[in-house]
mmCIF file of all heavy atoms, coordinates in Angstrom:
data_MODEL
# 
_entry.id   MODEL 
# 
loop_
_atom_site.group_PDB 
_atom_site.id 
_atom_site.type_symbol 
_atom_site.label_atom_id 
_atom_site.label_alt_id 
_atom_site.label_comp_id 
_atom_site.label_asym_id 
_atom_site.label_entity_id 
_atom_site.label_seq_id 
_atom_site.pdbx_PDB_ins_code 
_atom_site.Cartn_x 
_atom_site.Cartn_y 
_atom_site.Cartn_z 
_atom_site.occupancy 
_atom_site.B_iso_or_equiv 
_atom_site.pdbx_formal_charge 
_atom_site.auth_seq_id 
_atom_site.auth_comp_id 
_atom_site.auth_asym_id 
_atom_site.auth_atom_id 
_atom_site.pdbx_PDB_model_num 
ATOM 1   N N   . LEU A 1 1  ? -6.343  -7.462  -27.399 1.00 0.00 ? 1  LEU A N   1 
ATOM 2   C CA  . LEU A 1 1  ? -5.314  -6.858  -26.549 1.00 0.00 ? 1  LEU A CA  1 
ATOM 3   C C   . LEU A 1 1  ? -4.037  -7.687  -26.558 1.00 0.00 ? 1  LEU A C   1 
ATOM 4   O O   . LEU A 1 1  ? -2.926  -7.146  -26.603 1.00 0.00 ? 1  LEU A O   1 
ATOM 5   C CB  . LEU A 1 1  ? -5.846  -6.715  -25.118 1.00 0.00 ? 1  LEU A CB  1 
ATOM 6   C CG  . LEU A 1 1  ? -7.041  -5.775  -24.931 1.00 0.00 ? 1  LEU A CG  1 
ATOM 7   C CD1 . LEU A 1 1  ? -7.560  -5.870  -23.498 1.00 0.00 ? 1  LEU A CD1 1 
ATOM 8   C CD2 . LEU A 1 1  ? -6.672  -4.341  -25.283 1.00 0.00 ? 1  LEU A CD2 1 
ATOM 9   N N   . SER A 1 2  ? -4.188  -8.998  -26.516 1.00 0.00 ? 2  SER A N   1 
ATOM 10  C CA  . SER A 1 2  ? -3.021  -9.885  -26.558 1.00 0.00 ? 2  SER A CA  1 
ATOM 11  C C   . SER A 1 2  ? -2.258  -9.714  -27.861 1.00 0.00 ? 2  SER A C   1 
ATOM 12  O O   . SER A 1 2  ? -1.021  -9.613  -27.873 1.00 0.00 ? 2  SER A O   1 
ATOM 13  C CB  . SER A 1 2  ? -3.472  -11.336 -26.383 1.00 0.00 ? 2  SER A CB  1 
ATOM 14  O OG  . SER A 1 2  ? -2.369  -12.221 -26.492 1.00 0.00 ? 2  SER A OG  1 
ATOM 15  N N   . ASN A 1 3  ? -2.974  -9.669  -28.966 1.00 0.00 ? 3  ASN A N   1 
ATOM 16  C CA  . ASN A 1 3  ? -2.326  -9.512  -30.269 1.00 0.00 ? 3  ASN A CA  1 
ATOM 17  C C   . ASN A 1 3  ? -1.602  -8.170  -30.393 1.00 0.00 ? 3  ASN A C   1 
ATOM 18  O O   . ASN A 1 3  ? -0.574  -8.065  -31.068 1.00 0.00 ? 3  ASN A O   1 
ATOM 19  C CB  . ASN A 1 3  ? -3.367  -9.624  -31.390 1.00 0.00 ? 3  ASN A CB  1 
ATOM 20  C CG  . ASN A 1 3  ? -3.907  -11.022 -31.551 1.00 0.00 ? 3  ASN A CG  1 
ATOM 21  O OD1 . ASN A 1 3  ? -3.341  -11.979 -31.032 1.00 0.00 ? 3  ASN A OD1 1 
ATOM 22  N ND2 . ASN A 1 3  ? -5.018  -11.151 -32.258 1.00 0.00 ? 3  ASN A ND2 1 
ATOM 23  N N   . MET A 1 4  ? -2.132  -7.147  -29.726 1.00 0.00 ? 4  MET A N   1 
ATOM 24  C CA  . MET A 1 4  ? -1.542  -5.803  -29.784 1.00 0.00 ? 4  MET A CA  1 
ATOM 25  C C   . MET A 1 4  ? -0.418  -5.614  -28.771 1.00 0.00 ? 4  MET A C   1 
ATOM 26  O O   . MET A 1 4  ? 0.260   -4.589  -28.796 1.00 0.00 ? 4  MET A O   1 
ATOM 27  C CB  . MET A 1 4  ? -2.627  -4.751  -29.543 1.00 0.00 ? 4  MET A CB  1 
ATOM 28  C CG  . MET A 1 4  ? -3.687  -4.685  -30.629 1.00 0.00 ? 4  MET A CG  1 
ATOM 29  S SD  . MET A 1 4  ? -5.095  -3.621  -30.155 1.00 0.00 ? 4  MET A SD  1 
ATOM 30  C CE  . MET A 1 4  ? -4.294  -2.019  -30.018 1.00 0.00 ? 4  MET A CE  1 
ATOM 31  N N   . GLY A 1 5  ? -0.253  -6.572  -27.868 1.00 0.00 ? 5  GLY A N   1 
ATOM 32  C CA  . GLY A 1 5  ? 0.769   -6.440  -26.833 1.00 0.00 ? 5  GLY A CA  1 
ATOM 33  C C   . GLY A 1 5  ? 0.381   -5.482  -25.717 1.00 0.00 ? 5  GLY A C   1 
ATOM 34  O O   . GLY A 1 5  ? 1.244   -4.970  -25.002 1.00 0.00 ? 5  GLY A O   1 
ATOM 35  N N   . ILE A 1 6  ? -0.932  -5.247  -25.548 1.00 0.00 ? 6  ILE A N   1 
ATOM 36  C CA  . ILE A 1 6  ? -1.416  -4.338  -24.509 1.00 0.00 ? 6  ILE A CA  1 
ATOM 37  C C   . ILE A 1 6  ? -1.507  -5.079  -23.181 1.00 0.00 ? 6  ILE A C   1 
ATOM 38  O O   . ILE A 1 6  ? -2.130  -6.135  -23.087 1.00 0.00 ? 6  ILE A O   1 
ATOM 39  C CB  . ILE A 1 6  ? -2.797  -3.758  -24.878 1.00 0.00 ? 6  ILE A CB  1 
ATOM 40  C CG1 . ILE A 1 6  ? -2.728  -2.950  -26.180 1.00 0.00 ? 6  ILE A CG1 1 
ATOM 41  C CG2 . ILE A 1 6  ? -3.341  -2.893  -23.733 1.00 0.00 ? 6  ILE A CG2 1 
ATOM 42  C CD1 . ILE A 1 6  ? -1.843  -1.741  -26.122 1.00 0.00 ? 6  ILE A CD1 1 
ATOM 43  N N   . ARG A 1 7  ? -0.895  -4.511  -22.148 1.00 0.00 ? 7  ARG A N   1 
ATOM 44  C CA  . ARG A 1 7  ? -0.947  -5.087  -20.808 1.00 0.00 ? 7  ARG A CA  1 
ATOM 45  C C   . ARG A 1 7  ? -1.589  -4.151  -19.787 1.00 0.00 ? 7  ARG A C   1 
ATOM 46  O O   . ARG A 1 7  ? -1.938  -4.583  -18.691 1.00 0.00 ? 7  ARG A O   1 
ATOM 47  C CB  . ARG A 1 7  ? 0.477   -5.438  -20.321 1.00 0.00 ? 7  ARG A CB  1 
ATOM 48  C CG  . ARG A 1 7  ? 1.204   -6.457  -21.164 1.00 0.00 ? 7  ARG A CG  1 
ATOM 49  C CD  . ARG A 1 7  ? 0.438   -7.757  -21.284 1.00 0.00 ? 7  ARG A CD  1 
ATOM 50  N NE  . ARG A 1 7  ? -0.041  -8.259  -19.989 1.00 0.00 ? 7  ARG A NE  1 
ATOM 51  C CZ  . ARG A 1 7  ? -1.017  -9.155  -19.859 1.00 0.00 ? 7  ARG A CZ  1 
ATOM 52  N NH1 . ARG A 1 7  ? -1.644  -9.611  -20.909 1.00 0.00 ? 7  ARG A NH1 1 
ATOM 53  N NH2 . ARG A 1 7  ? -1.386  -9.573  -18.658 1.00 0.00 ? 7  ARG A NH2 1 
ATOM 54  N N   . ASN A 1 8  ? -1.734  -2.872  -20.147 1.00 0.00 ? 8  ASN A N   1 
ATOM 55  C CA  . ASN A 1 8  ? -2.257  -1.863  -19.219 1.00 0.00 ? 8  ASN A CA  1 
ATOM 56  C C   . ASN A 1 8  ? -3.484  -1.199  -19.837 1.00 0.00 ? 8  ASN A C   1 
ATOM 57  O O   . ASN A 1 8  ? -3.416  -0.698  -20.963 1.00 0.00 ? 8  ASN A O   1 
ATOM 58  C CB  . ASN A 1 8  ? -1.205  -0.791  -18.931 1.00 0.00 ? 8  ASN A CB  1 
ATOM 59  C CG  . ASN A 1 8  ? 0.144   -1.383  -18.584 1.00 0.00 ? 8  ASN A CG  1 
ATOM 60  O OD1 . ASN A 1 8  ? 0.260   -2.182  -17.665 1.00 0.00 ? 8  ASN A OD1 1 
ATOM 61  N ND2 . ASN A 1 8  ? 1.164   -0.993  -19.335 1.00 0.00 ? 8  ASN A ND2 1 
ATOM 62  N N   . LEU A 1 9  ? -4.587  -1.175  -19.102 1.00 0.00 ? 9  LEU A N   1 
ATOM 63  C CA  . LEU A 1 9  ? -5.811  -0.554  -19.588 1.00 0.00 ? 9  LEU A CA  1 
ATOM 64  C C   . LEU A 1 9  ? -6.203  0.611   -18.700 1.00 0.00 ? 9  LEU A C   1 
ATOM 65  O O   . LEU A 1 9  ? -6.283  0.472   -17.473 1.00 0.00 ? 9  LEU A O   1 
ATOM 66  C CB  . LEU A 1 9  ? -6.964  -1.563  -19.611 1.00 0.00 ? 9  LEU A CB  1 
ATOM 67  C CG  . LEU A 1 9  ? -7.087  -2.472  -20.841 1.00 0.00 ? 9  LEU A CG  1 
ATOM 68  C CD1 . LEU A 1 9  ? -7.273  -1.653  -22.109 1.00 0.00 ? 9  LEU A CD1 1 
ATOM 69  C CD2 . LEU A 1 9  ? -5.923  -3.419  -20.973 1.00 0.00 ? 9  LEU A CD2 1 
ATOM 70  N N   . ILE A 1 10 ? -6.429  1.748   -19.334 1.00 0.00 ? 10 ILE A N   1 
ATOM 71  C CA  . ILE A 1 10 ? -6.951  2.935   -18.659 1.00 0.00 ? 10 ILE A CA  1 
ATOM 72  C C   . ILE A 1 10 ? -8.459  2.933   -18.907 1.00 0.00 ? 10 ILE A C   1 
ATOM 73  O O   . ILE A 1 10 ? -8.907  3.147   -20.031 1.00 0.00 ? 10 ILE A O   1 
ATOM 74  C CB  . ILE A 1 10 ? -6.309  4.222   -19.205 1.00 0.00 ? 10 ILE A CB  1 
ATOM 75  C CG1 . ILE A 1 10 ? -4.779  4.088   -19.292 1.00 0.00 ? 10 ILE A CG1 1 
ATOM 76  C CG2 . ILE A 1 10 ? -6.737  5.413   -18.370 1.00 0.00 ? 10 ILE A CG2 1 
ATOM 77  C CD1 . ILE A 1 10 ? -4.097  3.763   -17.983 1.00 0.00 ? 10 ILE A CD1 1 
ATOM 78  N N   . VAL A 1 11 ? -9.240  2.665   -17.873 1.00 0.00 ? 11 VAL A N   1 
ATOM 79  C CA  . VAL A 1 11 ? -10.671 2.404   -18.040 1.00 0.00 ? 11 VAL A CA  1 
ATOM 80  C C   . VAL A 1 11 ? -11.494 3.642   -17.677 1.00 0.00 ? 11 VAL A C   1 
ATOM 81  O O   . VAL A 1 11 ? -11.264 4.292   -16.654 1.00 0.00 ? 11 VAL A O   1 
ATOM 82  C CB  . VAL A 1 11 ? -11.107 1.203   -17.188 1.00 0.00 ? 11 VAL A CB  1 
ATOM 83  C CG1 . VAL A 1 11 ? -12.615 1.005   -17.258 1.00 0.00 ? 11 VAL A CG1 1 
ATOM 84  C CG2 . VAL A 1 11 ? -10.386 -0.064  -17.657 1.00 0.00 ? 11 VAL A CG2 1 
ATOM 85  N N   . THR A 1 12 ? -12.486 3.926   -18.531 1.00 0.00 ? 12 THR A N   1 
ATOM 86  C CA  . THR A 1 12 ? -13.385 5.066   -18.363 1.00 0.00 ? 12 THR A CA  1 
ATOM 87  C C   . THR A 1 12 ? -14.789 4.650   -18.797 1.00 0.00 ? 12 THR A C   1 
ATOM 88  O O   . THR A 1 12 ? -14.962 3.597   -19.415 1.00 0.00 ? 12 THR A O   1 
ATOM 89  C CB  . THR A 1 12 ? -12.938 6.260   -19.220 1.00 0.00 ? 12 THR A CB  1 
ATOM 90  O OG1 . THR A 1 12 ? -13.017 5.872   -20.617 1.00 0.00 ? 12 THR A OG1 1 
ATOM 91  C CG2 . THR A 1 12 ? -11.503 6.665   -18.919 1.00 0.00 ? 12 THR A CG2 1 
ATOM 92  N N   . GLY A 1 13 ? -15.788 5.492   -18.489 1.00 0.00 ? 13 GLY A N   1 
ATOM 93  C CA  . GLY A 1 13 ? -17.124 5.257   -19.030 1.00 0.00 ? 13 GLY A CA  1 
ATOM 94  C C   . GLY A 1 13 ? -18.203 5.104   -17.977 1.00 0.00 ? 13 GLY A C   1 
ATOM 95  O O   . GLY A 1 13 ? -18.055 5.530   -16.837 1.00 0.00 ? 13 GLY A O   1 
ATOM 96  N N   . ILE A 1 14 ? -19.304 4.462   -18.383 1.00 0.00 ? 14 ILE A N   1 
ATOM 97  C CA  . ILE A 1 14 ? -20.456 4.264   -17.498 1.00 0.00 ? 14 ILE A CA  1 
ATOM 98  C C   . ILE A 1 14 ? -20.949 2.820   -17.610 1.00 0.00 ? 14 ILE A C   1 
ATOM 99  O O   . ILE A 1 14 ? -20.691 2.154   -18.613 1.00 0.00 ? 14 ILE A O   1 
ATOM 100 C CB  . ILE A 1 14 ? -21.596 5.255   -17.809 1.00 0.00 ? 14 ILE A CB  1 
ATOM 101 C CG1 . ILE A 1 14 ? -22.062 5.121   -19.267 1.00 0.00 ? 14 ILE A CG1 1 
ATOM 102 C CG2 . ILE A 1 14 ? -21.166 6.669   -17.524 1.00 0.00 ? 14 ILE A CG2 1 
ATOM 103 C CD1 . ILE A 1 14 ? -23.254 5.997   -19.616 1.00 0.00 ? 14 ILE A CD1 1 
ATOM 104 N N   . TYR A 1 15 ? -21.570 2.333   -16.583 1.00 0.00 ? 15 TYR A N   1 
ATOM 105 C CA  . TYR A 1 15 ? -21.772 2.928   -15.266 1.00 0.00 ? 15 TYR A CA  1 
ATOM 106 C C   . TYR A 1 15 ? -20.728 2.345   -14.327 1.00 0.00 ? 15 TYR A C   1 
ATOM 107 O O   . TYR A 1 15 ? -20.442 1.149   -14.399 1.00 0.00 ? 15 TYR A O   1 
ATOM 108 C CB  . TYR A 1 15 ? -23.180 2.655   -14.764 1.00 0.00 ? 15 TYR A CB  1 
ATOM 109 C CG  . TYR A 1 15 ? -24.227 3.355   -15.625 1.00 0.00 ? 15 TYR A CG  1 
ATOM 110 C CD1 . TYR A 1 15 ? -24.706 2.767   -16.796 1.00 0.00 ? 15 TYR A CD1 1 
ATOM 111 C CD2 . TYR A 1 15 ? -24.701 4.617   -15.264 1.00 0.00 ? 15 TYR A CD2 1 
ATOM 112 C CE1 . TYR A 1 15 ? -25.631 3.419   -17.578 1.00 0.00 ? 15 TYR A CE1 1 
ATOM 113 C CE2 . TYR A 1 15 ? -25.645 5.266   -16.038 1.00 0.00 ? 15 TYR A CE2 1 
ATOM 114 C CZ  . TYR A 1 15 ? -26.102 4.670   -17.199 1.00 0.00 ? 15 TYR A CZ  1 
ATOM 115 O OH  . TYR A 1 15 ? -27.029 5.320   -17.985 1.00 0.00 ? 15 TYR A OH  1 
ATOM 116 N N   . THR A 1 16 ? -20.192 3.163   -13.425 1.00 0.00 ? 16 THR A N   1 
ATOM 117 C CA  . THR A 1 16 ? -19.075 2.744   -12.577 1.00 0.00 ? 16 THR A CA  1 
ATOM 118 C C   . THR A 1 16 ? -19.347 1.431   -11.870 1.00 0.00 ? 16 THR A C   1 
ATOM 119 O O   . THR A 1 16 ? -18.478 0.550   -11.807 1.00 0.00 ? 16 THR A O   1 
ATOM 120 C CB  . THR A 1 16 ? -18.792 3.819   -11.506 1.00 0.00 ? 16 THR A CB  1 
ATOM 121 O OG1 . THR A 1 16 ? -18.748 5.110   -12.118 1.00 0.00 ? 16 THR A OG1 1 
ATOM 122 C CG2 . THR A 1 16 ? -17.487 3.540   -10.790 1.00 0.00 ? 16 THR A CG2 1 
ATOM 123 N N   . ASP A 1 17 ? -20.559 1.285   -11.334 1.00 0.00 ? 17 ASP A N   1 
ATOM 124 C CA  . ASP A 1 17 ? -20.898 0.127   -10.509 1.00 0.00 ? 17 ASP A CA  1 
ATOM 125 C C   . ASP A 1 17 ? -21.446 -1.044  -11.307 1.00 0.00 ? 17 ASP A C   1 
ATOM 126 O O   . ASP A 1 17 ? -21.808 -2.072  -10.724 1.00 0.00 ? 17 ASP A O   1 
ATOM 127 C CB  . ASP A 1 17 ? -21.917 0.532   -9.436  1.00 0.00 ? 17 ASP A CB  1 
ATOM 128 C CG  . ASP A 1 17 ? -23.164 1.173   -10.038 1.00 0.00 ? 17 ASP A CG  1 
ATOM 129 O OD1 . ASP A 1 17 ? -23.061 1.837   -11.088 1.00 0.00 ? 17 ASP A OD1 1 
ATOM 130 O OD2 . ASP A 1 17 ? -24.247 1.022   -9.451  1.00 0.00 ? 17 ASP A OD2 1 
ATOM 131 N N   . GLN A 1 18 ? -21.480 -0.919  -12.627 1.00 0.00 ? 18 GLN A N   1 
ATOM 132 C CA  . GLN A 1 18 ? -22.038 -2.003  -13.441 1.00 0.00 ? 18 GLN A CA  1 
ATOM 133 C C   . GLN A 1 18 ? -21.035 -2.422  -14.526 1.00 0.00 ? 18 GLN A C   1 
ATOM 134 O O   . GLN A 1 18 ? -20.116 -3.180  -14.245 1.00 0.00 ? 18 GLN A O   1 
ATOM 135 C CB  . GLN A 1 18 ? -23.395 -1.586  -14.009 1.00 0.00 ? 18 GLN A CB  1 
ATOM 136 C CG  . GLN A 1 18 ? -24.395 -1.309  -12.879 1.00 0.00 ? 18 GLN A CG  1 
ATOM 137 C CD  . GLN A 1 18 ? -25.818 -1.191  -13.356 1.00 0.00 ? 18 GLN A CD  1 
ATOM 138 O OE1 . GLN A 1 18 ? -26.246 -1.829  -14.309 1.00 0.00 ? 18 GLN A OE1 1 
ATOM 139 N NE2 . GLN A 1 18 ? -26.589 -0.359  -12.674 1.00 0.00 ? 18 GLN A NE2 1 
ATOM 140 N N   . CYS A 1 19 ? -21.183 -1.927  -15.740 1.00 0.00 ? 19 CYS A N   1 
ATOM 141 C CA  . CYS A 1 19 ? -20.318 -2.391  -16.831 1.00 0.00 ? 19 CYS A CA  1 
ATOM 142 C C   . CYS A 1 19 ? -18.856 -2.018  -16.612 1.00 0.00 ? 19 CYS A C   1 
ATOM 143 O O   . CYS A 1 19 ? -17.953 -2.785  -16.977 1.00 0.00 ? 19 CYS A O   1 
ATOM 144 C CB  . CYS A 1 19 ? -20.817 -1.840  -18.151 1.00 0.00 ? 19 CYS A CB  1 
ATOM 145 S SG  . CYS A 1 19 ? -22.405 -2.551  -18.645 1.00 0.00 ? 19 CYS A SG  1 
ATOM 146 N N   . VAL A 1 20 ? -18.591 -0.854  -16.040 1.00 0.00 ? 20 VAL A N   1 
ATOM 147 C CA  . VAL A 1 20 ? -17.203 -0.464  -15.770 1.00 0.00 ? 20 VAL A CA  1 
ATOM 148 C C   . VAL A 1 20 ? -16.582 -1.418  -14.761 1.00 0.00 ? 20 VAL A C   1 
ATOM 149 O O   . VAL A 1 20 ? -15.495 -1.963  -14.970 1.00 0.00 ? 20 VAL A O   1 
ATOM 150 C CB  . VAL A 1 20 ? -17.126 0.999   -15.279 1.00 0.00 ? 20 VAL A CB  1 
ATOM 151 C CG1 . VAL A 1 20 ? -15.723 1.327   -14.788 1.00 0.00 ? 20 VAL A CG1 1 
ATOM 152 C CG2 . VAL A 1 20 ? -17.524 1.952   -16.412 1.00 0.00 ? 20 VAL A CG2 1 
ATOM 153 N N   . SER A 1 21 ? -17.285 -1.647  -13.651 1.00 0.00 ? 21 SER A N   1 
ATOM 154 C CA  . SER A 1 21 ? -16.774 -2.538  -12.617 1.00 0.00 ? 21 SER A CA  1 
ATOM 155 C C   . SER A 1 21 ? -16.610 -3.965  -13.129 1.00 0.00 ? 21 SER A C   1 
ATOM 156 O O   . SER A 1 21 ? -15.599 -4.624  -12.854 1.00 0.00 ? 21 SER A O   1 
ATOM 157 C CB  . SER A 1 21 ? -17.715 -2.530  -11.404 1.00 0.00 ? 21 SER A CB  1 
ATOM 158 O OG  . SER A 1 21 ? -17.276 -3.425  -10.409 1.00 0.00 ? 21 SER A OG  1 
ATOM 159 N N   . SER A 1 22 ? -17.584 -4.456  -13.886 1.00 0.00 ? 22 SER A N   1 
ATOM 160 C CA  . SER A 1 22 ? -17.489 -5.811  -14.427 1.00 0.00 ? 22 SER A CA  1 
ATOM 161 C C   . SER A 1 22 ? -16.275 -5.958  -15.338 1.00 0.00 ? 22 SER A C   1 
ATOM 162 O O   . SER A 1 22 ? -15.568 -6.969  -15.295 1.00 0.00 ? 22 SER A O   1 
ATOM 163 C CB  . SER A 1 22 ? -18.758 -6.159  -15.207 1.00 0.00 ? 22 SER A CB  1 
ATOM 164 O OG  . SER A 1 22 ? -19.867 -6.273  -14.346 1.00 0.00 ? 22 SER A OG  1 
ATOM 165 N N   . THR A 1 23 ? -16.020 -4.942  -16.143 1.00 0.00 ? 23 THR A N   1 
ATOM 166 C CA  . THR A 1 23 ? -14.870 -4.980  -17.042 1.00 0.00 ? 23 THR A CA  1 
ATOM 167 C C   . THR A 1 23 ? -13.565 -4.917  -16.264 1.00 0.00 ? 23 THR A C   1 
ATOM 168 O O   . THR A 1 23 ? -12.616 -5.656  -16.557 1.00 0.00 ? 23 THR A O   1 
ATOM 169 C CB  . THR A 1 23 ? -14.953 -3.821  -18.053 1.00 0.00 ? 23 THR A CB  1 
ATOM 170 O OG1 . THR A 1 23 ? -16.166 -3.935  -18.808 1.00 0.00 ? 23 THR A OG1 1 
ATOM 171 C CG2 . THR A 1 23 ? -13.762 -3.841  -18.996 1.00 0.00 ? 23 THR A CG2 1 
ATOM 172 N N   . VAL A 1 24 ? -13.500 -4.036  -15.280 1.00 0.00 ? 24 VAL A N   1 
ATOM 173 C CA  . VAL A 1 24 ? -12.295 -3.918  -14.452 1.00 0.00 ? 24 VAL A CA  1 
ATOM 174 C C   . VAL A 1 24 ? -11.971 -5.248  -13.797 1.00 0.00 ? 24 VAL A C   1 
ATOM 175 O O   . VAL A 1 24 ? -10.818 -5.715  -13.806 1.00 0.00 ? 24 VAL A O   1 
ATOM 176 C CB  . VAL A 1 24 ? -12.471 -2.812  -13.395 1.00 0.00 ? 24 VAL A CB  1 
ATOM 177 C CG1 . VAL A 1 24 ? -11.392 -2.909  -12.321 1.00 0.00 ? 24 VAL A CG1 1 
ATOM 178 C CG2 . VAL A 1 24 ? -12.445 -1.434  -14.048 1.00 0.00 ? 24 VAL A CG2 1 
ATOM 179 N N   . ARG A 1 25 ? -12.963 -5.895  -13.215 1.00 0.00 ? 25 ARG A N   1 
ATOM 180 C CA  . ARG A 1 25 ? -12.746 -7.170  -12.537 1.00 0.00 ? 25 ARG A CA  1 
ATOM 181 C C   . ARG A 1 25 ? -12.284 -8.247  -13.515 1.00 0.00 ? 25 ARG A C   1 
ATOM 182 O O   . ARG A 1 25 ? -11.389 -9.042  -13.209 1.00 0.00 ? 25 ARG A O   1 
ATOM 183 C CB  . ARG A 1 25 ? -14.026 -7.600  -11.815 1.00 0.00 ? 25 ARG A CB  1 
ATOM 184 C CG  . ARG A 1 25 ? -14.371 -6.734  -10.601 1.00 0.00 ? 25 ARG A CG  1 
ATOM 185 C CD  . ARG A 1 25 ? -15.802 -6.984  -10.139 1.00 0.00 ? 25 ARG A CD  1 
ATOM 186 N NE  . ARG A 1 25 ? -16.152 -6.127  -9.015  1.00 0.00 ? 25 ARG A NE  1 
ATOM 187 C CZ  . ARG A 1 25 ? -16.187 -6.525  -7.749  1.00 0.00 ? 25 ARG A CZ  1 
ATOM 188 N NH1 . ARG A 1 25 ? -15.845 -7.761  -7.439  1.00 0.00 ? 25 ARG A NH1 1 
ATOM 189 N NH2 . ARG A 1 25 ? -16.541 -5.693  -6.789  1.00 0.00 ? 25 ARG A NH2 1 
ATOM 190 N N   . SER A 1 26 ? -12.904 -8.282  -14.688 1.00 0.00 ? 26 SER A N   1 
ATOM 191 C CA  . SER A 1 26 ? -12.505 -9.273  -15.694 1.00 0.00 ? 26 SER A CA  1 
ATOM 192 C C   . SER A 1 26 ? -11.069 -9.045  -16.160 1.00 0.00 ? 26 SER A C   1 
ATOM 193 O O   . SER A 1 26 ? -10.300 -10.000 -16.321 1.00 0.00 ? 26 SER A O   1 
ATOM 194 C CB  . SER A 1 26 ? -13.457 -9.216  -16.899 1.00 0.00 ? 26 SER A CB  1 
ATOM 195 O OG  . SER A 1 26 ? -14.765 -9.590  -16.532 1.00 0.00 ? 26 SER A OG  1 
# 
């Protein structure tokens, strides 16, 4: 993401309370 200049992530997928949430927090 840094190399691509990405600063904003639109997050989707499963499971909301597990991998999605962990990724969002990170």
